[in-house]
Amino acid sequence: MKLKRLLNISRPRFWIYELGPYLIGITAAAQGTYSLAYLIPSFVFFLFFTYPANIYIYGINDAYDYETDKLNPKKVSYESLVMPEEQKKLLIHIALVSLPFLLYAFVTLSIAALVAFGAFFFFAGFYSATPIRAKTKPFLDSIFSAGHYIATAAFSYIFLTDLMNRDYSNDALVLCILAGMCWAIAMHAYSAVPDIKADSDAGLKTIATTLQKRGTIMLCAGLYAFSGILSFPYLGILSIILALFYVGFMLMSLRTTDDELFRIYTYFPIINTVSGMIIFFIILFR
């Protein structure tokens, strides 16, 4: 497969969804101090969460989703439709790209960091792949989708904390993970709303086809609000401001037509990127 084709499948506009959590975890672990001794491993895994992680996520997704994707105009025009004859070569490419990073991880990481790194592969892979194929199971689809983003943040936080010989057992890690899960579940569920018709036509059950447009968007609003409450001890008033913005965004989406909602959805990566950057800089300079 040509490089341009592979790059398109990896969805570069969505890379920030993995890079953002990775950088936030790194920044939170550093706590204002850093050393050149941590630069090489940090950079290696930064590279992983660019193209390699995203070709893993979206390549597996596209390889397993052809029968559904061919019915979805969004996949043909806005994203990428992987044809059956491309699937084997794509999966081999994914394995070859991932292998060096896996070997490096086994050589350099602690058990806790390896578990978090493995959680990324588990949630990201079995979101689409059999036998679990979580994306076909309502609610489990959003949990698995959120799981790999949160695993990324937890991984970068744990591996750098280990390198710096710091104790993270008393940190608010669990609270932040729960807040992040709520946020990421809402993000996934909202992104599934534009696909309701195509998924229903293909017989695919998702959180959005189960709850339909109104129910899914209201759930997202509640999850964003709860995420703001959970993260308040760590982020302060910023968490409430961001939560209120997203709740308002969800309520506005209730009044849209399907075409209008899809148009709004195309701006969602930009909105999430800006929000992530705000959180990143708050953690960096606190």
Protein backbone atom coordinates (compact mmCIF):
# COMPACT_ATOMS: atom_id res chain seq x y z
CA MET A 1 0.00 0.00 0.00
CA LYS A 2 1.25 3.51 -0.80
CA LEU A 3 2.38 5.82 1.99
CA LYS A 4 -0.24 8.45 1.15
CA ARG A 5 -2.97 5.83 1.36
CA LEU A 6 -1.71 4.52 4.72
CA LEU A 7 -1.42 8.04 6.06
CA ASN A 8 -4.99 8.75 5.06
CA ILE A 9 -6.19 5.60 6.83
CA SER A 10 -4.41 6.73 10.02
CA ARG A 11 -6.59 9.91 10.12
CA PRO A 12 -3.90 12.57 10.83
CA ARG A 13 -6.57 15.06 11.92
CA PHE A 14 -7.36 12.70 14.81
CA TRP A 15 -3.77 12.05 15.96
CA ILE A 16 -4.16 14.72 18.61
CA TYR A 17 -6.70 12.49 20.36
CA GLU A 18 -3.85 10.16 21.40
CA LEU A 19 -1.05 12.73 21.51
CA GLY A 20 -3.08 15.01 23.76
CA PRO A 21 -3.60 12.47 26.57
CA TYR A 22 0.03 11.37 26.20
CA LEU A 23 1.35 14.92 26.65
CA ILE A 24 -1.04 15.66 29.51
CA GLY A 25 0.16 12.54 31.34
CA ILE A 26 3.80 13.49 30.77
CA THR A 27 3.22 17.04 31.98
CA ALA A 28 1.35 15.92 35.08
CA ALA A 29 4.10 13.46 35.98
CA ALA A 30 6.93 15.95 35.44
CA GLN A 31 5.45 18.38 38.00
CA GLY A 32 7.56 21.25 36.67
CA THR A 33 10.87 19.36 36.57
CA TYR A 34 12.43 17.42 33.73
CA SER A 35 15.78 15.94 32.77
CA LEU A 36 17.49 15.03 29.52
CA ALA A 37 17.71 11.49 30.90
CA TYR A 38 13.95 11.15 30.32
CA LEU A 39 14.01 12.71 26.85
CA ILE A 40 14.76 9.60 24.77
CA PRO A 41 12.02 7.31 26.18
CA SER A 42 9.53 10.19 26.20
CA PHE A 43 10.29 10.97 22.57
CA VAL A 44 10.17 7.32 21.49
CA PHE A 45 6.67 6.89 22.87
CA PHE A 46 5.66 10.30 21.56
CA LEU A 47 6.54 8.98 18.11
CA PHE A 48 4.49 5.86 18.75
CA PHE A 49 1.37 7.88 19.51
CA THR A 50 1.60 9.66 16.15
CA TYR A 51 1.34 7.43 13.09
CA PRO A 52 1.92 3.95 14.64
CA ALA A 53 -0.81 4.16 17.28
CA ASN A 54 -3.30 5.70 14.90
CA ILE A 55 -2.73 3.30 12.03
CA TYR A 56 -3.27 0.58 14.67
CA ILE A 57 -6.57 2.13 15.82
CA TYR A 58 -8.06 3.12 12.50
CA GLY A 59 -6.44 0.45 10.35
CA ILE A 60 -7.95 -2.34 12.44
CA ASN A 61 -11.22 -0.45 12.49
CA ASP A 62 -11.30 -0.13 8.71
CA ALA A 63 -10.19 -3.72 8.12
CA TYR A 64 -13.09 -5.09 10.17
CA ASP A 65 -15.73 -2.54 9.15
CA TYR A 66 -15.96 -2.79 5.38
CA GLU A 67 -19.53 -4.15 5.28
CA THR A 68 -20.73 -1.26 7.43
CA ASP A 69 -18.46 1.44 6.05
CA LYS A 70 -19.51 0.93 2.43
CA LEU A 71 -23.02 2.04 3.43
CA ASN A 72 -21.81 5.16 5.24
CA PRO A 73 -21.21 8.30 3.10
CA LYS A 74 -19.00 9.73 5.88
CA LYS A 75 -16.55 6.86 5.48
CA VAL A 76 -16.32 7.30 1.72
CA SER A 77 -15.99 11.09 1.55
CA TYR A 78 -14.77 12.27 4.96
CA GLU A 79 -12.73 9.30 6.17
CA SER A 80 -11.42 6.21 4.35
CA LEU A 81 -12.93 3.04 2.93
CA VAL A 82 -10.53 0.08 3.00
CA MET A 83 -11.35 -2.46 0.31
CA PRO A 84 -11.28 -6.22 1.08
CA GLU A 85 -8.20 -6.80 -1.09
CA GLU A 86 -6.27 -4.23 0.99
CA GLN A 87 -7.05 -5.64 4.41
CA LYS A 88 -4.37 -8.33 4.73
CA LYS A 89 -1.55 -6.02 3.65
CA LEU A 90 -2.85 -3.35 6.02
CA LEU A 91 -2.87 -5.69 9.03
CA ILE A 92 0.66 -6.90 8.25
CA HIS A 93 1.82 -3.28 8.01
CA ILE A 94 0.22 -2.50 11.39
CA ALA A 95 2.05 -5.42 13.02
CA LEU A 96 5.40 -4.41 11.54
CA VAL A 97 5.01 -0.78 12.61
CA SER A 98 3.98 -1.70 16.17
CA LEU A 99 6.61 -4.38 16.81
CA PRO A 100 9.68 -2.14 17.42
CA PHE A 101 7.80 -0.08 20.00
CA LEU A 102 6.52 -3.19 21.76
CA LEU A 103 10.05 -4.58 21.99
CA TYR A 104 11.36 -1.27 23.31
CA ALA A 105 8.55 -1.19 25.89
CA PHE A 106 9.33 -4.70 27.18
CA VAL A 107 12.99 -3.78 27.59
CA THR A 108 12.55 -0.42 29.29
CA LEU A 109 9.23 -0.25 31.17
CA SER A 110 8.07 -1.28 34.62
CA ILE A 111 5.25 -3.80 35.05
CA ALA A 112 2.73 -1.04 35.83
CA ALA A 113 3.69 0.93 32.72
CA LEU A 114 3.56 -2.23 30.59
CA VAL A 115 0.05 -2.95 31.85
CA ALA A 116 -1.08 0.55 30.86
CA PHE A 117 0.65 0.25 27.47
CA GLY A 118 -0.98 -3.14 26.95
CA ALA A 119 -4.34 -1.64 27.90
CA PHE A 120 -4.02 0.75 24.98
CA PHE A 121 -3.51 -2.14 22.55
CA PHE A 122 -6.32 -4.16 24.11
CA PHE A 123 -8.98 -1.43 24.08
CA ALA A 124 -7.95 0.06 20.72
CA GLY A 125 -7.69 -3.32 18.98
CA PHE A 126 -10.73 -5.12 20.35
CA TYR A 127 -12.93 -2.09 19.91
CA SER A 128 -13.15 -3.25 16.29
CA ALA A 129 -11.58 -6.71 16.14
CA THR A 130 -13.18 -10.05 16.91
CA PRO A 131 -13.89 -11.88 19.14
CA ILE A 132 -14.92 -8.95 21.38
CA ARG A 133 -15.69 -6.36 18.67
CA ALA A 134 -16.92 -3.94 21.32
CA LYS A 135 -18.17 -1.41 18.78
CA THR A 136 -21.10 -3.71 18.00
CA LYS A 137 -22.16 -3.84 21.65
CA PRO A 138 -23.99 -0.76 22.93
CA PHE A 139 -22.29 1.00 25.88
CA LEU A 140 -19.33 -1.36 25.68
CA ASP A 141 -18.46 0.46 22.46
CA SER A 142 -18.04 3.78 24.26
CA ILE A 143 -16.16 2.19 27.18
CA PHE A 144 -13.60 0.55 24.88
CA SER A 145 -13.22 3.70 22.79
CA ALA A 146 -12.63 5.79 25.89
CA GLY A 147 -10.42 3.10 27.39
CA HIS A 148 -7.56 3.45 24.93
CA TYR A 149 -7.42 7.25 25.29
CA ILE A 150 -7.31 7.04 29.06
CA ALA A 151 -4.82 4.16 28.92
CA THR A 152 -2.54 6.47 26.91
CA ALA A 153 -2.65 9.21 29.56
CA ALA A 154 -2.22 6.72 32.40
CA PHE A 155 0.69 5.08 30.57
CA SER A 156 2.66 8.30 30.03
CA TYR A 157 2.02 9.38 33.61
CA ILE A 158 3.09 6.04 35.07
CA PHE A 159 6.18 5.46 32.96
CA LEU A 160 7.59 8.94 33.57
CA THR A 161 6.74 8.81 37.27
CA ASP A 162 8.64 5.51 37.44
CA LEU A 163 11.64 7.00 35.63
CA MET A 164 11.71 9.91 38.07
CA ASN A 165 11.52 7.51 41.04
CA ARG A 166 8.42 9.20 42.37
CA ASP A 167 5.54 7.60 44.23
CA TYR A 168 2.17 7.94 42.54
CA SER A 169 0.20 5.78 44.96
CA ASN A 170 -1.19 8.80 46.80
CA ASP A 171 -1.93 10.93 43.76
CA ALA A 172 -5.43 11.66 42.49
CA LEU A 173 -4.80 9.25 39.60
CA VAL A 174 -8.03 7.27 40.02
CA LEU A 175 -10.16 10.43 40.18
CA CYS A 176 -8.52 11.81 37.04
CA ILE A 177 -8.96 8.51 35.22
CA LEU A 178 -12.67 8.48 36.05
CA ALA A 179 -13.06 12.09 34.88
CA GLY A 180 -11.18 11.28 31.70
CA MET A 181 -13.31 8.19 31.09
CA CYS A 182 -16.51 10.23 31.39
CA TRP A 183 -15.12 12.81 28.99
CA ALA A 184 -13.91 10.25 26.45
CA ILE A 185 -17.11 8.16 26.62
CA ALA A 186 -19.10 11.31 25.85
CA MET A 187 -16.75 12.16 23.00
CA HIS A 188 -17.21 8.72 21.44
CA ALA A 189 -20.96 8.59 21.94
CA TYR A 190 -21.40 12.00 20.33
CA SER A 191 -19.28 10.97 17.35
CA ALA A 192 -21.56 7.95 16.84
CA VAL A 193 -24.69 10.08 16.44
CA PRO A 194 -24.02 11.07 12.77
CA ASP A 195 -23.69 7.34 12.00
CA ILE A 196 -27.10 6.32 13.37
CA LYS A 197 -28.78 5.83 10.00
CA ALA A 198 -25.85 4.04 8.33
CA ASP A 199 -25.27 1.79 11.35
CA SER A 200 -28.99 0.99 11.60
CA ASP A 201 -29.15 0.16 7.89
CA ALA A 202 -26.20 -2.20 8.35
CA GLY A 203 -27.76 -3.83 11.42
CA LEU A 204 -24.97 -2.52 13.66
CA LYS A 205 -25.96 -1.81 17.24
CA THR A 206 -24.15 1.07 18.96
CA ILE A 207 -24.78 3.32 21.91
CA ALA A 208 -26.24 5.87 19.48
CA THR A 209 -28.57 3.45 17.65
CA THR A 210 -29.78 2.24 21.06
CA LEU A 211 -30.41 5.64 22.66
CA GLN A 212 -31.04 7.48 19.38
CA LYS A 213 -30.04 11.10 18.83
CA ARG A 214 -31.75 12.78 21.76
CA GLY A 215 -30.93 10.12 24.33
CA THR A 216 -27.27 9.90 23.26
CA ILE A 217 -26.73 13.65 23.30
CA MET A 218 -28.37 14.02 26.71
CA LEU A 219 -26.14 11.24 28.06
CA CYS A 220 -23.12 13.07 26.66
CA ALA A 221 -24.20 16.29 28.39
CA GLY A 222 -24.48 14.47 31.72
CA LEU A 223 -21.08 12.81 31.31
CA TYR A 224 -19.38 16.11 30.48
CA ALA A 225 -20.94 17.69 33.55
CA PHE A 226 -19.85 14.79 35.79
CA SER A 227 -16.35 14.92 34.33
CA GLY A 228 -16.11 18.59 35.27
CA ILE A 229 -17.12 17.81 38.85
CA LEU A 230 -14.65 14.93 39.19
CA SER A 231 -11.72 16.94 37.82
CA PHE A 232 -12.47 20.08 39.85
CA PRO A 233 -10.04 19.18 42.69
CA TYR A 234 -7.25 18.89 40.12
CA LEU A 235 -8.08 21.58 37.52
CA GLY A 236 -10.15 23.99 39.59
CA ILE A 237 -12.68 26.35 38.01
CA LEU A 238 -11.34 25.50 34.53
CA SER A 239 -12.99 22.08 34.73
CA ILE A 240 -16.38 23.68 35.40
CA ILE A 241 -15.98 26.21 32.57
CA LEU A 242 -15.07 23.51 30.05
CA ALA A 243 -17.86 21.24 31.27
CA LEU A 244 -20.43 24.02 30.89
CA PHE A 245 -19.17 24.75 27.38
CA TYR A 246 -19.55 21.11 26.32
CA VAL A 247 -22.96 20.80 27.97
CA GLY A 248 -24.08 23.88 26.03
CA PHE A 249 -22.61 22.42 22.85
CA MET A 250 -24.58 19.21 23.39
CA LEU A 251 -27.83 21.05 24.05
CA MET A 252 -27.30 23.11 20.89
CA SER A 253 -26.80 19.87 18.92
CA LEU A 254 -30.26 18.67 19.94
CA ARG A 255 -31.83 21.28 17.66
CA THR A 256 -29.89 20.37 14.53
CA THR A 257 -30.89 18.35 11.49
CA ASP A 258 -28.79 15.32 10.57
CA ASP A 259 -26.84 17.31 7.96
CA GLU A 260 -26.24 20.17 10.39
CA LEU A 261 -25.10 17.76 13.08
CA PHE A 262 -22.57 16.16 10.75
CA ARG A 263 -21.23 19.59 9.83
CA ILE A 264 -20.82 20.40 13.52
CA TYR A 265 -19.15 17.02 14.06
CA THR A 266 -16.42 17.89 11.55
CA TYR A 267 -15.36 20.75 13.85
CA PHE A 268 -15.28 18.52 16.94
CA PRO A 269 -11.57 17.59 16.61
CA ILE A 270 -10.68 21.29 16.61
CA ILE A 271 -12.82 21.97 19.68
CA ASN A 272 -11.32 19.00 21.52
CA THR A 273 -7.80 20.04 20.52
CA VAL A 274 -8.29 23.55 21.92
CA SER A 275 -9.75 22.14 25.15
CA GLY A 276 -6.85 19.71 25.48
CA MET A 277 -4.33 22.51 24.93
CA ILE A 278 -5.97 24.59 27.66
CA ILE A 279 -5.77 21.68 30.09
CA PHE A 280 -2.17 21.00 29.05
CA PHE A 281 -1.01 24.56 29.72
CA ILE A 282 -2.91 24.78 33.02
CA ILE A 283 -1.08 21.65 34.22
CA LEU A 284 2.22 22.89 32.79
CA PHE A 285 2.19 26.26 34.54
CA ARG A 286 0.39 25.50 37.76
